[in-house]
Amino acid sequence: ALAGLSSSVTYAVVWALLATAVAFLPMRWQFTPGFCLLLAAPVIIVVLGFQHGWLAALGGTAAFLSMFRRPLGHYWRKWKGVQQ
């Protein structure tokens, strides 16, 4: 772990750095790594919640929703059948 941080915090920091790096990629290259990050986030947030409590999990959820607001909004509208 990074300098005494718990494993969940280390994973969350690495996840955030990877998500930032993926955002710099051209749009056509973002889908696969972005999808992997999208799937990994709930697992990291749950582990963060178990190790540090619900407030840490809430903060992780807020950060996740903030970083993925546009793709999540797109898929939410698609699921609801809303035309753009």
PDB file of N, CA and C in Angstrom:
ATOM      1  N   ALA A   1       0.843  -1.188   0.000  1.00  0.00           N
ATOM      2  CA  ALA A   1       0.000   0.000   0.000  1.00  0.00           C
ATOM      3  C   ALA A   1       0.880   1.241   0.000  1.00  0.00           C
ATOM      4  N   LEU A   2       0.303   2.342  -0.391  1.00  0.00           N
ATOM      5  CA  LEU A   2       1.029   3.607  -0.453  1.00  0.00           C
ATOM      6  C   LEU A   2       1.227   4.191   0.938  1.00  0.00           C
ATOM      7  N   ALA A   3       2.442   4.198   1.434  1.00  0.00           N
ATOM      8  CA  ALA A   3       2.826   4.883   2.673  1.00  0.00           C
ATOM      9  C   ALA A   3       1.836   4.674   3.818  1.00  0.00           C
ATOM     10  N   GLY A   4       1.449   3.440   4.062  1.00  0.00           N
ATOM     11  CA  GLY A   4       0.587   3.153   5.202  1.00  0.00           C
ATOM     12  C   GLY A   4      -0.901   3.333   4.969  1.00  0.00           C
ATOM     13  N   LEU A   5      -1.318   3.640   3.741  1.00  0.00           N
ATOM     14  CA  LEU A   5      -2.746   3.773   3.461  1.00  0.00           C
ATOM     15  C   LEU A   5      -3.375   2.387   3.377  1.00  0.00           C
ATOM     16  N   SER A   6      -4.661   2.315   3.681  1.00  0.00           N
ATOM     17  CA  SER A   6      -5.354   1.034   3.563  1.00  0.00           C
ATOM     18  C   SER A   6      -5.428   0.629   2.092  1.00  0.00           C
ATOM     19  N   SER A   7      -5.667  -0.637   1.858  1.00  0.00           N
ATOM     20  CA  SER A   7      -5.729  -1.126   0.479  1.00  0.00           C
ATOM     21  C   SER A   7      -6.858  -0.452  -0.305  1.00  0.00           C
ATOM     22  N   SER A   8      -7.994  -0.224   0.333  1.00  0.00           N
ATOM     23  CA  SER A   8      -9.110   0.383  -0.396  1.00  0.00           C
ATOM     24  C   SER A   8      -8.802   1.821  -0.801  1.00  0.00           C
ATOM     25  N   VAL A   9      -8.124   2.564   0.054  1.00  0.00           N
ATOM     26  CA  VAL A   9      -7.747   3.936  -0.301  1.00  0.00           C
ATOM     27  C   VAL A   9      -6.712   3.911  -1.422  1.00  0.00           C
ATOM     28  N   THR A  10      -5.776   2.982  -1.348  1.00  0.00           N
ATOM     29  CA  THR A  10      -4.779   2.843  -2.411  1.00  0.00           C
ATOM     30  C   THR A  10      -5.462   2.534  -3.738  1.00  0.00           C
ATOM     31  N   TYR A  11      -6.404   1.592  -3.732  1.00  0.00           N
ATOM     32  CA  TYR A  11      -7.140   1.257  -4.956  1.00  0.00           C
ATOM     33  C   TYR A  11      -7.926   2.466  -5.473  1.00  0.00           C
ATOM     34  N   ALA A  12      -8.536   3.216  -4.570  1.00  0.00           N
ATOM     35  CA  ALA A  12      -9.318   4.385  -4.981  1.00  0.00           C
ATOM     36  C   ALA A  12      -8.422   5.453  -5.613  1.00  0.00           C
ATOM     37  N   VAL A  13      -7.251   5.661  -5.048  1.00  0.00           N
ATOM     38  CA  VAL A  13      -6.320   6.647  -5.609  1.00  0.00           C
ATOM     39  C   VAL A  13      -5.846   6.200  -6.991  1.00  0.00           C
ATOM     40  N   VAL A  14      -5.467   4.943  -7.115  1.00  0.00           N
ATOM     41  CA  VAL A  14      -5.019   4.416  -8.412  1.00  0.00           C
ATOM     42  C   VAL A  14      -6.164   4.485  -9.429  1.00  0.00           C
ATOM     43  N   TRP A  15      -7.382   4.150  -9.002  1.00  0.00           N
ATOM     44  CA  TRP A  15      -8.544   4.226  -9.883  1.00  0.00           C
ATOM     45  C   TRP A  15      -8.736   5.658 -10.390  1.00  0.00           C
ATOM     46  N   ALA A  16      -8.650   6.637  -9.497  1.00  0.00           N
ATOM     47  CA  ALA A  16      -8.838   8.034  -9.893  1.00  0.00           C
ATOM     48  C   ALA A  16      -7.759   8.480 -10.880  1.00  0.00           C
ATOM     49  N   LEU A  17      -6.523   8.069 -10.655  1.00  0.00           N
ATOM     50  CA  LEU A  17      -5.437   8.420 -11.577  1.00  0.00           C
ATOM     51  C   LEU A  17      -5.645   7.765 -12.945  1.00  0.00           C
ATOM     52  N   LEU A  18      -6.060   6.506 -12.940  1.00  0.00           N
ATOM     53  CA  LEU A  18      -6.336   5.824 -14.210  1.00  0.00           C
ATOM     54  C   LEU A  18      -7.515   6.460 -14.953  1.00  0.00           C
ATOM     55  N   ALA A  19      -8.560   6.823 -14.212  1.00  0.00           N
ATOM     56  CA  ALA A  19      -9.716   7.466 -14.841  1.00  0.00           C
ATOM     57  C   ALA A  19      -9.327   8.806 -15.457  1.00  0.00           C
ATOM     58  N   THR A  20      -8.453   9.533 -14.782  1.00  0.00           N
ATOM     59  CA  THR A  20      -7.970  10.806 -15.322  1.00  0.00           C
ATOM     60  C   THR A  20      -7.151  10.574 -16.583  1.00  0.00           C
ATOM     61  N   ALA A  21      -6.293   9.560 -16.570  1.00  0.00           N
ATOM     62  CA  ALA A  21      -5.485   9.239 -17.747  1.00  0.00           C
ATOM     63  C   ALA A  21      -6.367   8.825 -18.925  1.00  0.00           C
ATOM     64  N   VAL A  22      -7.397   8.033 -18.659  1.00  0.00           N
ATOM     65  CA  VAL A  22      -8.306   7.592 -19.726  1.00  0.00           C
ATOM     66  C   VAL A  22      -9.033   8.791 -20.333  1.00  0.00           C
ATOM     67  N   ALA A  23      -9.346   9.791 -19.515  1.00  0.00           N
ATOM     68  CA  ALA A  23     -10.041  10.978 -20.020  1.00  0.00           C
ATOM     69  C   ALA A  23      -9.195  11.742 -21.035  1.00  0.00           C
ATOM     70  N   PHE A  24      -7.885  11.585 -20.978  1.00  0.00           N
ATOM     71  CA  PHE A  24      -7.001  12.257 -21.926  1.00  0.00           C
ATOM     72  C   PHE A  24      -6.891  11.522 -23.260  1.00  0.00           C
ATOM     73  N   LEU A  25      -7.369  10.293 -23.310  1.00  0.00           N
ATOM     74  CA  LEU A  25      -7.309   9.520 -24.554  1.00  0.00           C
ATOM     75  C   LEU A  25      -8.321  10.047 -25.558  1.00  0.00           C
ATOM     76  N   PRO A  26      -8.078   9.822 -26.846  1.00  0.00           N
ATOM     77  CA  PRO A  26      -9.107  10.158 -27.837  1.00  0.00           C
ATOM     78  C   PRO A  26     -10.391   9.357 -27.538  1.00  0.00           C
ATOM     79  N   MET A  27     -11.509   9.927 -27.867  1.00  0.00           N
ATOM     80  CA  MET A  27     -12.805   9.334 -27.524  1.00  0.00           C
ATOM     81  C   MET A  27     -12.930   7.888 -28.003  1.00  0.00           C
ATOM     82  N   ARG A  28     -12.432   7.576 -29.178  1.00  0.00           N
ATOM     83  CA  ARG A  28     -12.578   6.214 -29.712  1.00  0.00           C
ATOM     84  C   ARG A  28     -11.775   5.196 -28.912  1.00  0.00           C
ATOM     85  N   TRP A  29     -10.787   5.631 -28.132  1.00  0.00           N
ATOM     86  CA  TRP A  29      -9.976   4.727 -27.320  1.00  0.00           C
ATOM     87  C   TRP A  29     -10.436   4.661 -25.870  1.00  0.00           C
ATOM     88  N   GLN A  30     -11.429   5.438 -25.497  1.00  0.00           N
ATOM     89  CA  GLN A  30     -11.857   5.511 -24.105  1.00  0.00           C
ATOM     90  C   GLN A  30     -12.813   4.404 -23.685  1.00  0.00           C
ATOM     91  N   PHE A  31     -13.503   3.771 -24.619  1.00  0.00           N
ATOM     92  CA  PHE A  31     -14.597   2.879 -24.243  1.00  0.00           C
ATOM     93  C   PHE A  31     -14.136   1.684 -23.412  1.00  0.00           C
ATOM     94  N   THR A  32     -13.171   0.923 -23.884  1.00  0.00           N
ATOM     95  CA  THR A  32     -12.772  -0.296 -23.179  1.00  0.00           C
ATOM     96  C   THR A  32     -12.183  -0.017 -21.794  1.00  0.00           C
ATOM     97  N   PRO A  33     -11.179   0.874 -21.675  1.00  0.00           N
ATOM     98  CA  PRO A  33     -10.672   1.130 -20.321  1.00  0.00           C
ATOM     99  C   PRO A  33     -11.715   1.822 -19.434  1.00  0.00           C
ATOM    100  N   GLY A  34     -12.537   2.678 -20.032  1.00  0.00           N
ATOM    101  CA  GLY A  34     -13.592   3.339 -19.259  1.00  0.00           C
ATOM    102  C   GLY A  34     -14.613   2.354 -18.729  1.00  0.00           C
ATOM    103  N   PHE A  35     -14.955   1.362 -19.539  1.00  0.00           N
ATOM    104  CA  PHE A  35     -15.904   0.335 -19.118  1.00  0.00           C
ATOM    105  C   PHE A  35     -15.325  -0.490 -17.970  1.00  0.00           C
ATOM    106  N   CYS A  36     -14.045  -0.824 -18.065  1.00  0.00           N
ATOM    107  CA  CYS A  36     -13.381  -1.560 -16.974  1.00  0.00           C
ATOM    108  C   CYS A  36     -13.385  -0.744 -15.682  1.00  0.00           C
ATOM    109  N   LEU A  37     -13.115   0.545 -15.801  1.00  0.00           N
ATOM    110  CA  LEU A  37     -13.148   1.417 -14.622  1.00  0.00           C
ATOM    111  C   LEU A  37     -14.568   1.518 -14.062  1.00  0.00           C
ATOM    112  N   LEU A  38     -15.537   1.568 -14.952  1.00  0.00           N
ATOM    113  CA  LEU A  38     -16.940   1.629 -14.536  1.00  0.00           C
ATOM    114  C   LEU A  38     -17.328   0.394 -13.737  1.00  0.00           C
ATOM    115  N   LEU A  39     -16.841  -0.776 -14.147  1.00  0.00           N
ATOM    116  CA  LEU A  39     -17.141  -2.018 -13.425  1.00  0.00           C
ATOM    117  C   LEU A  39     -16.359  -2.131 -12.116  1.00  0.00           C
ATOM    118  N   ALA A  40     -15.154  -1.604 -12.079  1.00  0.00           N
ATOM    119  CA  ALA A  40     -14.313  -1.710 -10.882  1.00  0.00           C
ATOM    120  C   ALA A  40     -14.759  -0.766  -9.766  1.00  0.00           C
ATOM    121  N   ALA A  41     -15.344   0.354 -10.122  1.00  0.00           N
ATOM    122  CA  ALA A  41     -15.685   1.375  -9.132  1.00  0.00           C
ATOM    123  C   ALA A  41     -16.608   0.878  -8.012  1.00  0.00           C
ATOM    124  N   PRO A  42     -17.719   0.200  -8.306  1.00  0.00           N
ATOM    125  CA  PRO A  42     -18.585  -0.252  -7.201  1.00  0.00           C
ATOM    126  C   PRO A  42     -17.877  -1.199  -6.242  1.00  0.00           C
ATOM    127  N   VAL A  43     -17.002  -2.054  -6.762  1.00  0.00           N
ATOM    128  CA  VAL A  43     -16.262  -2.982  -5.901  1.00  0.00           C
ATOM    129  C   VAL A  43     -15.347  -2.199  -4.962  1.00  0.00           C
ATOM    130  N   ILE A  44     -14.625  -1.230  -5.506  1.00  0.00           N
ATOM    131  CA  ILE A  44     -13.721  -0.411  -4.689  1.00  0.00           C
ATOM    132  C   ILE A  44     -14.513   0.381  -3.653  1.00  0.00           C
ATOM    133  N   ILE A  45     -15.652   0.919  -4.045  1.00  0.00           N
ATOM    134  CA  ILE A  45     -16.464   1.717  -3.116  1.00  0.00           C
ATOM    135  C   ILE A  45     -17.002   0.850  -1.979  1.00  0.00           C
ATOM    136  N   VAL A  46     -17.429  -0.371  -2.286  1.00  0.00           N
ATOM    137  CA  VAL A  46     -17.924  -1.274  -1.235  1.00  0.00           C
ATOM    138  C   VAL A  46     -16.806  -1.616  -0.250  1.00  0.00           C
ATOM    139  N   VAL A  47     -15.625  -1.942  -0.770  1.00  0.00           N
ATOM    140  CA  VAL A  47     -14.490  -2.257   0.109  1.00  0.00           C
ATOM    141  C   VAL A  47     -14.110  -1.033   0.933  1.00  0.00           C
ATOM    142  N   LEU A  48     -14.122   0.131   0.318  1.00  0.00           N
ATOM    143  CA  LEU A  48     -13.854   1.384   1.035  1.00  0.00           C
ATOM    144  C   LEU A  48     -14.859   1.573   2.167  1.00  0.00           C
ATOM    145  N   GLY A  49     -16.123   1.284   1.899  1.00  0.00           N
ATOM    146  CA  GLY A  49     -17.149   1.400   2.932  1.00  0.00           C
ATOM    147  C   GLY A  49     -16.942   0.423   4.076  1.00  0.00           C
ATOM    148  N   PHE A  50     -16.558  -0.811   3.762  1.00  0.00           N
ATOM    149  CA  PHE A  50     -16.297  -1.797   4.819  1.00  0.00           C
ATOM    150  C   PHE A  50     -15.108  -1.404   5.677  1.00  0.00           C
ATOM    151  N   GLN A  51     -14.067  -0.854   5.058  1.00  0.00           N
ATOM    152  CA  GLN A  51     -12.854  -0.526   5.807  1.00  0.00           C
ATOM    153  C   GLN A  51     -12.935   0.814   6.535  1.00  0.00           C
ATOM    154  N   HIS A  52     -13.706   1.776   5.982  1.00  0.00           N
ATOM    155  CA  HIS A  52     -13.681   3.130   6.539  1.00  0.00           C
ATOM    156  C   HIS A  52     -15.047   3.707   6.881  1.00  0.00           C
ATOM    157  N   GLY A  53     -16.111   2.961   6.645  1.00  0.00           N
ATOM    158  CA  GLY A  53     -17.437   3.434   7.022  1.00  0.00           C
ATOM    159  C   GLY A  53     -18.225   4.009   5.854  1.00  0.00           C
ATOM    160  N   TRP A  54     -19.485   4.297   6.149  1.00  0.00           N
ATOM    161  CA  TRP A  54     -20.401   4.712   5.104  1.00  0.00           C
ATOM    162  C   TRP A  54     -20.097   6.104   4.563  1.00  0.00           C
ATOM    163  N   LEU A  55     -19.504   6.980   5.374  1.00  0.00           N
ATOM    164  CA  LEU A  55     -19.169   8.319   4.865  1.00  0.00           C
ATOM    165  C   LEU A  55     -18.096   8.249   3.788  1.00  0.00           C
ATOM    166  N   ALA A  56     -17.114   7.379   3.968  1.00  0.00           N
ATOM    167  CA  ALA A  56     -16.090   7.190   2.939  1.00  0.00           C
ATOM    168  C   ALA A  56     -16.714   6.615   1.669  1.00  0.00           C
ATOM    169  N   ALA A  57     -17.629   5.666   1.830  1.00  0.00           N
ATOM    170  CA  ALA A  57     -18.319   5.090   0.666  1.00  0.00           C
ATOM    171  C   ALA A  57     -19.176   6.141  -0.030  1.00  0.00           C
ATOM    172  N   LEU A  58     -19.814   7.007   0.742  1.00  0.00           N
ATOM    173  CA  LEU A  58     -20.611   8.085   0.162  1.00  0.00           C
ATOM    174  C   LEU A  58     -19.725   9.043  -0.624  1.00  0.00           C
ATOM    175  N   GLY A  59     -18.562   9.372  -0.081  1.00  0.00           N
ATOM    176  CA  GLY A  59     -17.621  10.230  -0.802  1.00  0.00           C
ATOM    177  C   GLY A  59     -17.125   9.576  -2.082  1.00  0.00           C
ATOM    178  N   GLY A  60     -16.825   8.290  -2.018  1.00  0.00           N
ATOM    179  CA  GLY A  60     -16.406   7.564  -3.209  1.00  0.00           C
ATOM    180  C   GLY A  60     -17.497   7.514  -4.260  1.00  0.00           C
ATOM    181  N   THR A  61     -18.735   7.330  -3.811  1.00  0.00           N
ATOM    182  CA  THR A  61     -19.869   7.310  -4.738  1.00  0.00           C
ATOM    183  C   THR A  61     -20.050   8.669  -5.397  1.00  0.00           C
ATOM    184  N   ALA A  62     -19.924   9.733  -4.616  1.00  0.00           N
ATOM    185  CA  ALA A  62     -20.051  11.087  -5.179  1.00  0.00           C
ATOM    186  C   ALA A  62     -18.954  11.356  -6.208  1.00  0.00           C
ATOM    187  N   ALA A  63     -17.730  10.938  -5.910  1.00  0.00           N
ATOM    188  CA  ALA A  63     -16.632  11.131  -6.851  1.00  0.00           C
ATOM    189  C   ALA A  63     -16.864  10.321  -8.122  1.00  0.00           C
ATOM    190  N   PHE A  64     -17.314   9.093  -7.971  1.00  0.00           N
ATOM    191  CA  PHE A  64     -17.598   8.227  -9.118  1.00  0.00           C
ATOM    192  C   PHE A  64     -18.687   8.839 -10.003  1.00  0.00           C
ATOM    193  N   LEU A  65     -19.777   9.269  -9.398  1.00  0.00           N
ATOM    194  CA  LEU A  65     -20.878   9.853 -10.163  1.00  0.00           C
ATOM    195  C   LEU A  65     -20.450  11.147 -10.844  1.00  0.00           C
ATOM    196  N   SER A  66     -19.598  11.915 -10.193  1.00  0.00           N
ATOM    197  CA  SER A  66     -19.107  13.154 -10.784  1.00  0.00           C
ATOM    198  C   SER A  66     -18.244  12.882 -12.010  1.00  0.00           C
ATOM    199  N   MET A  67     -17.354  11.889 -11.908  1.00  0.00           N
ATOM    200  CA  MET A  67     -16.446  11.602 -13.013  1.00  0.00           C
ATOM    201  C   MET A  67     -17.155  10.911 -14.183  1.00  0.00           C
ATOM    202  N   PHE A  68     -18.199  10.156 -13.911  1.00  0.00           N
ATOM    203  CA  PHE A  68     -18.888   9.391 -14.959  1.00  0.00           C
ATOM    204  C   PHE A  68     -20.295   9.921 -15.218  1.00  0.00           C
ATOM    205  N   ARG A  69     -20.549  11.194 -14.900  1.00  0.00           N
ATOM    206  CA  ARG A  69     -21.909  11.725 -15.030  1.00  0.00           C
ATOM    207  C   ARG A  69     -22.422  11.693 -16.458  1.00  0.00           C
ATOM    208  N   ARG A  70     -21.599  12.012 -17.428  1.00  0.00           N
ATOM    209  CA  ARG A  70     -22.074  12.040 -18.813  1.00  0.00           C
ATOM    210  C   ARG A  70     -22.345  10.638 -19.369  1.00  0.00           C
ATOM    211  N   PRO A  71     -21.412   9.684 -19.241  1.00  0.00           N
ATOM    212  CA  PRO A  71     -21.752   8.352 -19.763  1.00  0.00           C
ATOM    213  C   PRO A  71     -22.905   7.692 -19.007  1.00  0.00           C
ATOM    214  N   LEU A  72     -22.956   7.885 -17.684  1.00  0.00           N
ATOM    215  CA  LEU A  72     -24.063   7.310 -16.920  1.00  0.00           C
ATOM    216  C   LEU A  72     -25.385   7.950 -17.326  1.00  0.00           C
ATOM    217  N   GLY A  73     -25.382   9.273 -17.539  1.00  0.00           N
ATOM    218  CA  GLY A  73     -26.591   9.965 -17.994  1.00  0.00           C
ATOM    219  C   GLY A  73     -27.025   9.492 -19.366  1.00  0.00           C
ATOM    220  N   HIS A  74     -26.065   9.255 -20.242  1.00  0.00           N
ATOM    221  CA  HIS A  74     -26.374   8.755 -21.592  1.00  0.00           C
ATOM    222  C   HIS A  74     -27.057   7.397 -21.506  1.00  0.00           C
ATOM    223  N   TYR A  75     -26.469   6.483 -20.726  1.00  0.00           N
ATOM    224  CA  TYR A  75     -27.055   5.140 -20.634  1.00  0.00           C
ATOM    225  C   TYR A  75     -28.374   5.157 -19.857  1.00  0.00           C
ATOM    226  N   TRP A  76     -28.523   6.066 -18.912  1.00  0.00           N
ATOM    227  CA  TRP A  76     -29.798   6.192 -18.198  1.00  0.00           C
ATOM    228  C   TRP A  76     -30.896   6.629 -19.169  1.00  0.00           C
ATOM    229  N   ARG A  77     -30.608   7.647 -20.008  1.00  0.00           N
ATOM    230  CA  ARG A  77     -31.603   8.106 -20.991  1.00  0.00           C
ATOM    231  C   ARG A  77     -31.902   7.000 -22.005  1.00  0.00           C
ATOM    232  N   LYS A  78     -30.886   6.273 -22.422  1.00  0.00           N
ATOM    233  CA  LYS A  78     -31.085   5.183 -23.369  1.00  0.00           C
ATOM    234  C   LYS A  78     -31.963   4.092 -22.757  1.00  0.00           C
ATOM    235  N   TRP A  79     -31.724   3.762 -21.482  1.00  0.00           N
ATOM    236  CA  TRP A  79     -32.519   2.747 -20.797  1.00  0.00           C
ATOM    237  C   TRP A  79     -33.969   3.197 -20.641  1.00  0.00           C
ATOM    238  N   LYS A  80     -34.179   4.493 -20.370  1.00  0.00           N
ATOM    239  CA  LYS A  80     -35.531   5.018 -20.199  1.00  0.00           C
ATOM    240  C   LYS A  80     -36.233   5.273 -21.531  1.00  0.00           C
ATOM    241  N   GLY A  81     -35.492   5.206 -22.637  1.00  0.00           N
ATOM    242  CA  GLY A  81     -36.086   5.418 -23.948  1.00  0.00           C
ATOM    243  C   GLY A  81     -36.299   6.872 -24.306  1.00  0.00           C
ATOM    244  N   VAL A  82     -35.551   7.773 -23.703  1.00  0.00           N
ATOM    245  CA  VAL A  82     -35.687   9.200 -23.954  1.00  0.00           C
ATOM    246  C   VAL A  82     -34.876   9.559 -25.199  1.00  0.00           C
ATOM    247  N   GLN A  83     -35.509  10.275 -26.132  1.00  0.00           N
ATOM    248  CA  GLN A  83     -34.811  10.721 -27.334  1.00  0.00           C
ATOM    249  C   GLN A  83     -33.929  11.924 -26.989  1.00  0.00           C
ATOM    250  N   GLN A  84     -32.807  12.018 -27.681  1.00  0.00           N
ATOM    251  CA  GLN A  84     -31.910  13.160 -27.428  1.00  0.00           C
ATOM    252  C   GLN A  84     -32.081  14.231 -28.446  1.00  0.00           C
TER     253      GLN A  84
END
